[in-house]
Amino acid sequence: MRKYTLQELADLTGLTHGYVRDLECFSIDKTPLLETIGKFADALEIDIRQLFDDVETEKSIDN
């Protein structure tokens, strides 16, 4: 939406380029803290709830 590069987004959030890249690629094994998600919302100038609007939860069924 804002067309930031990963480096620009990293600079705006104060996070590393590698961390932002790993989050984008889902190659990180930890869930980011709400504080970290808030940094993205601030950098994108949006309400933090917008980052969760389109998230669908997956339910796993054990067989």
Protein backbone atom coordinates (compact mmCIF):
# COMPACT_ATOMS: atom_id res chain seq x y z
CA MET A 1 0.00 0.00 0.00
CA ARG A 2 2.75 2.44 0.92
CA LYS A 3 5.26 0.71 -1.38
CA TYR A 4 8.06 0.78 1.20
CA THR A 5 11.06 -1.40 0.60
CA LEU A 6 11.96 -3.82 3.36
CA GLN A 7 14.87 -1.55 4.29
CA GLU A 8 12.63 1.51 4.49
CA LEU A 9 10.17 -0.36 6.68
CA ALA A 10 13.01 -1.61 8.86
CA ASP A 11 14.31 1.95 9.24
CA LEU A 12 10.86 3.26 10.15
CA THR A 13 10.26 0.55 12.74
CA GLY A 14 13.75 0.44 14.20
CA LEU A 15 13.96 -3.27 13.38
CA THR A 16 16.59 -4.98 11.28
CA HIS A 17 16.16 -5.64 7.58
CA GLY A 18 16.64 -9.35 8.23
CA TYR A 19 13.91 -9.48 10.86
CA VAL A 20 11.42 -7.63 8.62
CA ARG A 21 12.31 -9.94 5.72
CA ASP A 22 11.85 -13.04 7.89
CA LEU A 23 8.44 -11.82 9.04
CA GLU A 24 7.35 -11.14 5.49
CA CYS A 25 8.47 -14.60 4.35
CA PHE A 26 7.03 -16.32 7.44
CA SER A 27 10.47 -17.83 8.00
CA ILE A 28 10.62 -16.82 11.64
CA ASP A 29 9.64 -19.34 14.28
CA LYS A 30 8.41 -16.83 16.86
CA THR A 31 5.25 -14.78 16.98
CA PRO A 32 6.15 -11.07 17.07
CA LEU A 33 5.28 -9.14 20.20
CA LEU A 34 2.30 -6.80 20.12
CA GLU A 35 4.79 -3.96 20.62
CA THR A 36 6.57 -5.01 17.41
CA ILE A 37 3.28 -5.15 15.50
CA GLY A 38 2.54 -1.70 16.87
CA LYS A 39 5.79 -0.44 15.35
CA PHE A 40 4.60 -1.62 11.94
CA ALA A 41 1.22 0.06 12.42
CA ASP A 42 2.92 3.32 13.39
CA ALA A 43 5.31 3.12 10.43
CA LEU A 44 2.40 2.49 8.06
CA GLU A 45 0.32 5.21 9.75
CA ILE A 46 -2.61 2.86 10.32
CA ASP A 47 -4.60 1.63 13.29
CA ILE A 48 -3.04 -1.58 14.63
CA ARG A 49 -6.39 -3.37 14.24
CA GLN A 50 -6.08 -3.03 10.46
CA LEU A 51 -3.18 -5.45 10.54
CA PHE A 52 -5.55 -8.12 11.84
CA ASP A 53 -8.63 -7.37 9.70
CA ASP A 54 -7.90 -9.89 6.97
CA VAL A 55 -6.35 -12.58 9.14
CA GLU A 56 -8.23 -15.84 9.07
CA THR A 57 -7.56 -18.40 11.72
CA GLU A 58 -6.72 -21.91 10.70
CA LYS A 59 -8.14 -24.74 12.70
CA SER A 60 -6.21 -27.94 12.73
CA ILE A 61 -8.02 -31.19 13.22
CA ASP A 62 -6.08 -34.05 14.75
CA ASN A 63 -6.80 -37.35 13.03
